[in-house]
Structures are given as C-alpha cells and as structure tokens.
Amino acid sequence: MKRRFYATTLTLLLTLVLTSSSVLAQAVVTPDTEVETEKRAQTGMKFLSTSVDARATAVGGAMTAEMEGSSTSLFYNPASMAGMPGSFHASASVLSFITDINYNVASVAYRPGGGNYGVVGLSVISVDYGDFIGTIRANNEQGFVETGTYSPTALAVGLGYARAFSDRFAAGAQVKYVYQNIGDDFVTTQDFDAQTGGTFNSGAVTSTENYSKGTVAFDFGIVYHTGFRSLVIAMNARNFSQELSYVRERFELPLTFQIGMAFNLMDLTSMDPNTHALMLRVDAQRPRDFTEHVKFGLEYSFMQIAFLRAGFEQLGVSEEQGVSLGAGLRFNVQSIRFGADYAYTDFGLFGDVNRFGLQIGL
C-alpha cells in the first residue's frame, strides 16, 4: 500500500513539473509586436545559479538524483540529504569564478534522534565580486570623475530539512535568505567641483543611496529509488520567491526546474559493484531565463575511495562553458570520514575555473 502511495505521489509530482516546464518553455509574445521572442537576462541574483560544489560541478552539476546525499545536497536537491550516511556531515568549498569573482561555501547537516526525525541542514554561500571604481558624470574632458572604489557582495543562508519516508522515497525543502549589494551611490543637492571639470568633492555629498536587496526564497525536491537495480529518479525546484523591484526595474530570482536520473552502469556487467562503480547522471533543466538543456556526467569510483569524474553542464547552448573534469578522495580514520574534491571547468575566453572542497562526517 505504501509503495503504491509513493509511486502515485512521485508520478503526480513529475507530471506537474513536466507540465509546468512545458508551459514555461513556450516562447514569449510581446504585446506590441506579437512576435515570439526568447527571454534572456530576466532574473537577478544570478550567483544562485552557479554550481558551487567541486564534486557536483565535475559531473556537470547533474546531482538531482542522489539517493545517499550529504549537507552539500542543499545546493542541488535538499531531498537527497535524507540519505546521508552517519549522523553528521560538514563541508567547505572555495571557487575562483570568472572575472575574479570568489565564492566561499559551507554546509552542515545533522541527523537527530538516530534518524527518526529526519535530517536538518544549514548552507551558506558568500560571494565577493572584487573592487570596482565608482564614477559620477561630470562636464570635463572624460565626462566623469572617479568617486573611489566599491566592493559588491552577495550572500545566501539557508535552513533545510529532509526526511526519508521509506528506503526508496525521500522529500526535502530549504528556506533561505538571499542578499546582494552592488554598492552605494552618491546623492547631492548642490554643485561640486566635478560639474566644472574639477575633482570629486566629498563635502558636497548630502546623502548616499544603498543599492542592496534581500528576500526569502525556497527550494523543494523529491528523490525516488525505482527498485530497478540502482536506478534513481528525482526532481527539484529551486529559488521560488516573490518578484523584486530594484530602482526602476523589476526582476525575479533564477527559478529552475530539474528532473534527473542516476544509474550505475556496472549493474549491466558482472563486475563487483563494491569494487568498481560507474555512475551515469543526467539532468534535464528548465531555467527561467535560459534555454532548456541537459546536464550529464560520469563518476567512476574504485572501492569508494578514489574517484574520477567528467561532465558537461550546458551542451549545445553555451558558447564558452565547456567540459568539467575532477577527482576525489574518501577515507576513514576510525569512525570519522574525510573527503577532498577538485573540479576544473573550461570557460573559453574567460579562462579556467577551479573548485576545491573538503568534507568531514561522523
């Protein structure tokens, strides 16, 4: 009876997501031209769309269908956290993204009461966009004067919960506060030297306006082991939030729907799955402001100690982002589990992107 209930629930949820994706995938018709157009660059706080975990990135970000997850599942599918081995897991990662944008990422998960109450987790993403030179328009030869440097930042802090309702079905959710500040702007009520071609006069500044914005967003997900060998299917929806207003423009967060599957290809051979495993991971993604595309990756493991990974996140739709490669190591010291991961991504003209991550579990 329970199996039938879980299977029916999963079918209904997948049908809902497929229907929603189909509706959202329709081309936009503008009222003034009645010409079909494609939506691009219609969302803000795009740092939420970046894959931050080294292991996940190395397999193309295709981590929706992960049955035995960890605290890092909060960045992909919170439902996977329910299958976390042990009672505690923590991770820390750094990402040197394109144009000198730096990410610092951390997560922690805890299973209270021996698993009878599910798994709770905390995730943090902090982004440093570097230093920029501020300017104000002026009637000089350059047309502007410099007002000093400013440093845009972004932050996302989430609290998640996941629970396994059987050994084959789990669901999870995360609520997070997301914030972005792209600096201050000077507001003056009097002329200053710059208007006559001079230098910026800070004494003429009467007030400043802070260009920051924060909101609450939600992530949801389910994961289901089909019972056919190691085949796992799952879905998630990330970055649900209200529409925001920034100065005169309105925007939404990068809402994304994903359906994924994972399968150990060694199940099709006679090799010992405890010695060799080759996981195929495939995600179909529907972003709010980007072309629908498929992510896929392969992860080979030897005795669940050494890992080699490869993947592609935006095959056929990205002109710059290319293949991702990575490696990982897992080992135990008595009852403590340690892990280290590395991922490399080719970003074409923007150069290479490197991610590093460390994990610990009990």
Protein backbone atom coordinates (compact mmCIF):
# COMPACT_ATOMS: atom_id res chain seq x y z
CA MET A 1 0.00 0.00 0.00
CA LYS A 2 2.84 2.38 0.92
CA ARG A 3 4.69 1.55 -2.29
CA ARG A 4 1.61 2.39 -4.33
CA PHE A 5 1.21 5.67 -2.46
CA TYR A 6 4.83 6.73 -3.01
CA ALA A 7 4.75 5.73 -6.67
CA THR A 8 1.50 7.62 -7.23
CA THR A 9 2.84 10.71 -5.45
CA LEU A 10 6.02 10.65 -7.50
CA THR A 11 4.09 10.25 -10.74
CA LEU A 12 1.84 13.21 -9.93
CA LEU A 13 4.77 15.43 -8.99
CA LEU A 14 6.74 14.56 -12.10
CA THR A 15 3.66 15.18 -14.25
CA LEU A 16 3.21 18.58 -12.59
CA VAL A 17 6.82 19.54 -13.24
CA LEU A 18 6.71 18.38 -16.85
CA THR A 19 3.51 20.34 -17.42
CA SER A 20 4.95 23.45 -15.76
CA SER A 21 8.15 23.17 -17.78
CA SER A 22 6.15 22.81 -20.99
CA VAL A 23 4.16 25.93 -20.23
CA LEU A 24 7.21 27.93 -19.21
CA ALA A 25 9.09 26.75 -22.28
CA GLN A 26 6.66 28.46 -24.62
CA ALA A 27 8.08 31.46 -26.43
CA VAL A 28 7.12 34.88 -25.11
CA VAL A 29 4.88 37.02 -27.30
CA THR A 30 5.30 40.73 -26.72
CA PRO A 31 2.03 42.72 -26.78
CA ASP A 32 3.37 45.44 -29.04
CA THR A 33 4.92 43.26 -31.71
CA GLU A 34 3.17 39.90 -31.28
CA VAL A 35 6.46 38.37 -32.30
CA GLU A 36 7.79 35.34 -30.48
CA THR A 37 10.92 36.13 -28.50
CA GLU A 38 13.15 34.26 -26.10
CA LYS A 39 13.59 35.51 -22.56
CA ARG A 40 17.18 36.21 -21.61
CA ALA A 41 18.75 38.09 -18.70
CA GLN A 42 15.38 38.46 -16.97
CA THR A 43 16.50 37.41 -13.49
CA GLY A 44 18.69 38.85 -10.77
CA MET A 45 20.97 37.38 -8.11
CA LYS A 46 22.42 35.01 -10.67
CA PHE A 47 25.02 33.82 -8.19
CA LEU A 48 22.33 31.37 -7.06
CA SER A 49 22.66 29.56 -10.41
CA THR A 50 26.37 28.79 -10.07
CA SER A 51 27.37 25.23 -9.20
CA VAL A 52 29.42 25.63 -6.02
CA ASP A 53 30.40 22.08 -5.01
CA ALA A 54 33.52 20.58 -6.61
CA ARG A 55 32.14 17.05 -6.89
CA ALA A 56 28.83 18.16 -8.37
CA THR A 57 30.48 20.51 -10.85
CA ALA A 58 32.83 17.78 -12.08
CA VAL A 59 29.79 15.74 -13.20
CA GLY A 60 28.21 18.71 -14.95
CA GLY A 61 26.08 19.75 -11.99
CA ALA A 62 23.80 16.74 -12.58
CA MET A 63 23.18 15.98 -8.91
CA THR A 64 19.39 15.99 -8.71
CA ALA A 65 19.11 12.19 -8.44
CA GLU A 66 21.35 11.44 -5.46
CA MET A 67 19.94 8.88 -3.04
CA GLU A 68 22.75 9.00 -0.47
CA GLY A 69 23.46 12.70 -0.20
CA SER A 70 25.13 14.95 2.33
CA SER A 71 24.97 18.53 3.54
CA THR A 72 26.07 19.65 0.03
CA SER A 73 22.72 18.37 -1.26
CA LEU A 74 21.23 21.65 -0.04
CA PHE A 75 22.84 23.32 -3.07
CA TYR A 76 21.19 20.89 -5.53
CA ASN A 77 18.34 18.76 -4.17
CA PRO A 78 17.55 19.02 -0.44
CA ALA A 79 15.70 15.69 -0.52
CA SER A 80 18.98 13.82 -1.07
CA MET A 81 20.16 14.93 2.36
CA ALA A 82 17.74 12.40 3.90
CA GLY A 83 20.00 9.55 2.71
CA MET A 84 23.09 10.98 4.37
CA PRO A 85 25.20 8.21 5.96
CA GLY A 86 26.05 8.75 9.61
CA SER A 87 24.68 11.43 11.91
CA PHE A 88 26.78 14.45 10.94
CA HIS A 89 28.35 15.97 7.81
CA ALA A 90 30.07 19.26 7.08
CA SER A 91 31.74 20.70 4.00
CA ALA A 92 33.70 23.77 2.98
CA SER A 93 34.49 24.87 -0.59
CA VAL A 94 36.16 27.70 -2.43
CA LEU A 95 35.52 28.71 -6.01
CA SER A 96 37.56 31.08 -8.14
CA PHE A 97 34.99 32.01 -10.76
CA ILE A 98 35.36 34.05 -13.94
CA THR A 99 36.41 37.74 -13.82
CA ASP A 100 37.96 37.26 -10.34
CA ILE A 101 34.65 36.53 -8.61
CA ASN A 102 35.28 34.46 -5.46
CA TYR A 103 32.83 32.15 -3.72
CA ASN A 104 33.18 30.81 -0.18
CA VAL A 105 30.75 28.00 0.56
CA ALA A 106 29.94 25.92 3.64
CA SER A 107 27.27 23.46 4.71
CA VAL A 108 26.47 21.29 7.71
CA ALA A 109 23.85 18.60 8.33
CA TYR A 110 22.76 16.71 11.44
CA ARG A 111 20.50 13.70 11.96
CA PRO A 112 18.90 13.93 15.43
CA GLY A 113 17.35 11.03 17.28
CA GLY A 114 19.01 8.36 15.19
CA GLY A 115 17.13 9.43 12.07
CA ASN A 116 13.62 9.28 13.49
CA TYR A 117 13.16 13.00 12.94
CA GLY A 118 14.78 13.42 9.56
CA VAL A 119 17.88 15.49 8.78
CA VAL A 120 18.35 19.23 9.30
CA GLY A 121 20.98 21.25 7.50
CA LEU A 122 22.46 24.72 7.12
CA SER A 123 24.03 26.17 3.96
CA VAL A 124 25.97 29.37 3.34
CA ILE A 125 27.18 30.98 0.10
CA SER A 126 29.24 34.16 0.28
CA VAL A 127 30.33 35.96 -2.90
CA ASP A 128 33.00 38.63 -3.32
CA TYR A 129 32.84 40.36 -6.71
CA GLY A 130 36.09 42.27 -6.18
CA ASP A 131 36.73 46.01 -6.26
CA PHE A 132 35.23 48.40 -8.80
CA ILE A 133 35.92 52.08 -9.46
CA GLY A 134 32.92 54.35 -8.89
CA THR A 135 32.25 57.32 -11.17
CA ILE A 136 29.92 60.32 -11.42
CA ARG A 137 29.07 62.18 -14.62
CA ALA A 138 30.91 65.46 -14.97
CA ASN A 139 31.41 68.27 -17.51
CA ASN A 140 35.07 67.55 -18.09
CA GLU A 141 37.04 66.05 -20.92
CA GLN A 142 36.48 62.48 -19.72
CA GLY A 143 32.80 63.05 -18.97
CA PHE A 144 33.14 61.64 -15.46
CA VAL A 145 35.18 61.74 -12.26
CA GLU A 146 36.10 58.87 -10.00
CA THR A 147 34.48 58.62 -6.57
CA GLY A 148 36.61 55.84 -5.15
CA THR A 149 36.23 52.07 -5.08
CA TYR A 150 33.32 49.91 -4.01
CA SER A 151 33.00 46.15 -3.48
CA PRO A 152 29.75 44.36 -4.44
CA THR A 153 28.88 41.30 -2.37
CA ALA A 154 26.22 38.60 -2.20
CA LEU A 155 25.07 36.16 0.46
CA ALA A 156 22.68 33.22 0.75
CA VAL A 157 21.95 31.48 4.07
CA GLY A 158 19.60 28.51 4.05
CA LEU A 159 17.97 26.18 6.56
CA GLY A 160 16.90 22.83 5.15
CA TYR A 161 15.06 19.70 6.23
CA ALA A 162 14.78 16.28 4.59
CA ARG A 163 13.12 13.04 5.55
CA ALA A 164 13.05 9.53 4.14
CA PHE A 165 9.52 8.08 4.17
CA SER A 166 10.82 4.67 3.16
CA ASP A 167 14.10 3.16 1.99
CA ARG A 168 13.15 4.28 -1.54
CA PHE A 169 11.44 7.67 -1.23
CA ALA A 170 12.52 10.95 0.38
CA ALA A 171 11.48 14.59 0.23
CA GLY A 172 13.12 17.79 1.38
CA ALA A 173 12.91 21.58 1.37
CA GLN A 174 15.05 24.59 2.17
CA VAL A 175 14.18 28.16 3.07
CA LYS A 176 16.95 30.69 2.55
CA TYR A 177 17.59 34.37 2.83
CA VAL A 178 19.39 35.80 -0.20
CA TYR A 179 21.01 39.21 -0.29
CA GLN A 180 23.00 41.23 -2.79
CA ASN A 181 24.65 44.63 -2.50
CA ILE A 182 26.24 46.24 -5.55
CA GLY A 183 27.46 49.33 -3.73
CA ASP A 184 26.43 52.85 -2.75
CA ASP A 185 25.58 55.79 -4.98
CA PHE A 186 26.18 59.44 -4.13
CA VAL A 187 23.18 61.76 -3.98
CA THR A 188 23.89 65.50 -3.86
CA THR A 189 21.76 68.66 -3.67
CA GLN A 190 24.41 71.14 -4.68
CA ASP A 191 27.02 71.61 -7.34
CA PHE A 192 30.52 70.40 -6.71
CA ASP A 193 33.86 70.79 -8.42
CA ALA A 194 33.22 67.93 -10.83
CA GLN A 195 30.47 69.88 -12.55
CA THR A 196 33.03 72.44 -13.65
CA GLY A 197 35.58 69.87 -14.70
CA GLY A 198 37.40 69.59 -11.37
CA THR A 199 37.79 66.71 -8.99
CA PHE A 200 35.21 64.98 -6.85
CA ASN A 201 34.33 66.94 -3.71
CA SER A 202 33.11 64.60 -0.98
CA GLY A 203 31.99 67.59 1.03
CA ALA A 204 29.18 68.20 -1.46
CA VAL A 205 27.61 64.84 -0.71
CA THR A 206 24.49 65.19 1.39
CA SER A 207 23.39 61.54 1.36
CA THR A 208 24.01 58.17 -0.22
CA GLU A 209 21.64 55.53 -1.54
CA ASN A 210 22.39 51.88 -0.80
CA TYR A 211 21.74 49.59 -3.74
CA SER A 212 21.11 46.37 -1.88
CA LYS A 213 18.24 43.92 -1.97
CA GLY A 214 17.28 40.90 0.11
CA THR A 215 14.44 38.37 0.03
CA VAL A 216 13.37 34.91 1.14
CA ALA A 217 13.48 32.02 -1.34
CA PHE A 218 12.50 28.34 -1.23
CA ASP A 219 13.84 25.07 -2.65
CA PHE A 220 11.91 21.80 -2.88
CA GLY A 221 12.82 18.30 -4.02
CA ILE A 222 12.00 14.60 -4.02
CA VAL A 223 14.11 11.54 -4.78
CA TYR A 224 12.91 8.00 -5.56
CA HIS A 225 14.70 4.68 -5.95
CA THR A 226 12.77 2.83 -8.64
CA GLY A 227 13.71 -0.66 -7.49
CA PHE A 228 15.24 -1.44 -10.88
CA ARG A 229 18.82 -2.14 -9.89
CA SER A 230 20.43 1.18 -8.94
CA LEU A 231 18.16 3.48 -10.98
CA VAL A 232 17.19 6.64 -9.09
CA ILE A 233 14.94 9.40 -10.41
CA ALA A 234 14.27 12.76 -8.80
CA MET A 235 13.06 16.31 -9.30
CA ASN A 236 13.60 19.67 -7.69
CA ALA A 237 12.55 23.29 -7.96
CA ARG A 238 14.93 25.97 -6.76
CA ASN A 239 14.73 29.68 -5.96
CA PHE A 240 10.99 30.23 -5.57
CA SER A 241 10.49 33.81 -4.40
CA GLN A 242 8.42 36.93 -4.83
CA GLU A 243 9.15 39.39 -7.61
CA LEU A 244 11.57 42.12 -6.54
CA SER A 245 11.97 45.75 -7.53
CA TYR A 246 15.38 47.32 -7.99
CA VAL A 247 15.32 51.11 -8.50
CA ARG A 248 13.00 51.25 -11.58
CA GLU A 249 13.34 47.66 -12.75
CA ARG A 250 11.51 44.55 -11.58
CA PHE A 251 13.10 41.11 -11.62
CA GLU A 252 12.76 37.60 -10.26
CA LEU A 253 15.24 35.11 -8.86
CA PRO A 254 16.64 32.41 -11.22
CA LEU A 255 13.83 29.90 -10.69
CA THR A 256 14.85 26.49 -12.04
CA PHE A 257 13.04 23.17 -12.52
CA GLN A 258 15.06 19.97 -12.88
CA ILE A 259 14.32 16.30 -13.43
CA GLY A 260 17.19 13.86 -13.08
CA MET A 261 18.25 10.24 -13.07
CA ALA A 262 21.28 8.30 -11.88
CA PHE A 263 22.31 4.75 -12.73
CA ASN A 264 25.37 2.60 -12.01
CA LEU A 265 26.44 1.26 -15.40
CA MET A 266 28.33 -1.56 -13.66
CA ASP A 267 24.92 -3.08 -12.93
CA LEU A 268 24.91 -4.13 -16.59
CA THR A 269 28.14 -6.11 -16.14
CA SER A 270 29.34 -8.96 -13.94
CA MET A 271 31.89 -6.78 -12.13
CA ASP A 272 31.73 -6.43 -8.36
CA PRO A 273 29.83 -3.15 -7.69
CA ASN A 274 31.64 -2.80 -4.34
CA THR A 275 34.96 -2.56 -6.17
CA HIS A 276 34.05 -0.64 -9.30
CA ALA A 277 31.20 1.77 -9.90
CA LEU A 278 30.45 3.99 -12.90
CA MET A 279 27.55 6.33 -12.19
CA LEU A 280 25.79 7.95 -15.12
CA ARG A 281 23.99 11.14 -14.10
CA VAL A 282 21.59 13.05 -16.37
CA ASP A 283 19.52 16.13 -15.50
CA ALA A 284 17.01 17.95 -17.71
CA GLN A 285 16.87 21.60 -16.65
CA ARG A 286 14.36 24.35 -17.32
CA PRO A 287 15.69 27.72 -16.09
CA ARG A 288 13.51 30.82 -16.00
CA ASP A 289 15.77 32.88 -18.28
CA PHE A 290 17.85 30.39 -20.23
CA THR A 291 17.40 27.73 -22.87
CA GLU A 292 16.25 24.31 -21.68
CA HIS A 293 19.22 21.98 -21.69
CA VAL A 294 20.56 18.66 -20.45
CA LYS A 295 23.37 18.17 -17.96
CA PHE A 296 25.21 14.90 -17.83
CA GLY A 297 28.21 13.40 -16.10
CA LEU A 298 30.11 10.22 -15.30
CA GLU A 299 31.66 9.34 -11.96
CA TYR A 300 33.97 6.34 -11.64
CA SER A 301 34.88 5.09 -8.19
CA PHE A 302 37.34 2.44 -7.06
CA MET A 303 36.31 0.80 -3.78
CA GLN A 304 34.53 4.06 -2.88
CA ILE A 305 37.94 5.55 -2.12
CA ALA A 306 39.26 7.13 -5.34
CA PHE A 307 37.00 8.95 -7.82
CA LEU A 308 37.38 10.27 -11.35
CA ARG A 309 34.68 12.50 -12.85
CA ALA A 310 33.73 14.24 -16.09
CA GLY A 311 30.65 16.16 -17.18
CA PHE A 312 29.06 18.84 -19.32
CA GLU A 313 26.54 21.35 -17.96
CA GLN A 314 25.34 23.31 -20.98
CA LEU A 315 25.89 21.10 -24.00
CA GLY A 316 24.85 22.86 -27.20
CA VAL A 317 23.66 26.09 -25.55
CA SER A 318 26.85 27.62 -24.14
CA GLU A 319 29.48 29.23 -26.32
CA GLU A 320 32.07 29.47 -23.57
CA GLN A 321 31.43 26.98 -20.76
CA GLY A 322 32.92 23.66 -21.75
CA VAL A 323 33.72 20.31 -20.21
CA SER A 324 34.30 19.79 -16.49
CA LEU A 325 36.80 17.31 -15.07
CA GLY A 326 37.50 16.33 -11.49
CA ALA A 327 38.79 13.88 -8.94
CA GLY A 328 38.03 12.99 -5.35
CA LEU A 329 39.30 11.00 -2.40
CA ARG A 330 37.43 9.42 0.52
CA PHE A 331 38.99 7.73 3.55
CA ASN A 332 38.11 6.86 7.13
CA VAL A 333 40.07 7.40 10.31
CA GLN A 334 38.34 5.19 12.84
CA SER A 335 34.72 6.44 12.83
CA ILE A 336 35.46 9.77 11.12
CA ARG A 337 35.02 10.11 7.36
CA PHE A 338 37.14 12.56 5.38
CA GLY A 339 36.87 13.69 1.79
CA ALA A 340 38.54 16.04 -0.66
CA ASP A 341 37.38 17.05 -4.15
CA TYR A 342 38.65 19.11 -7.06
CA ALA A 343 36.92 20.27 -10.25
CA TYR A 344 38.18 22.04 -13.36
CA THR A 345 35.90 23.76 -15.88
CA ASP A 346 36.91 25.22 -19.22
CA PHE A 347 35.28 28.65 -19.70
CA GLY A 348 36.74 29.52 -23.09
CA LEU A 349 37.65 33.20 -23.35
CA PHE A 350 37.11 33.65 -19.61
CA GLY A 351 39.81 31.13 -18.75
CA ASP A 352 39.73 28.16 -16.41
CA VAL A 353 37.60 27.85 -13.29
CA ASN A 354 38.81 25.78 -10.33
CA ARG A 355 36.85 24.49 -7.36
CA PHE A 356 38.16 22.84 -4.19
CA GLY A 357 36.18 21.18 -1.42
CA LEU A 358 36.76 19.40 1.88
CA GLN A 359 34.29 17.21 3.79
CA ILE A 360 34.04 15.54 7.14
CA GLY A 361 31.42 13.17 8.51
CA LEU A 362 30.56 11.07 11.55
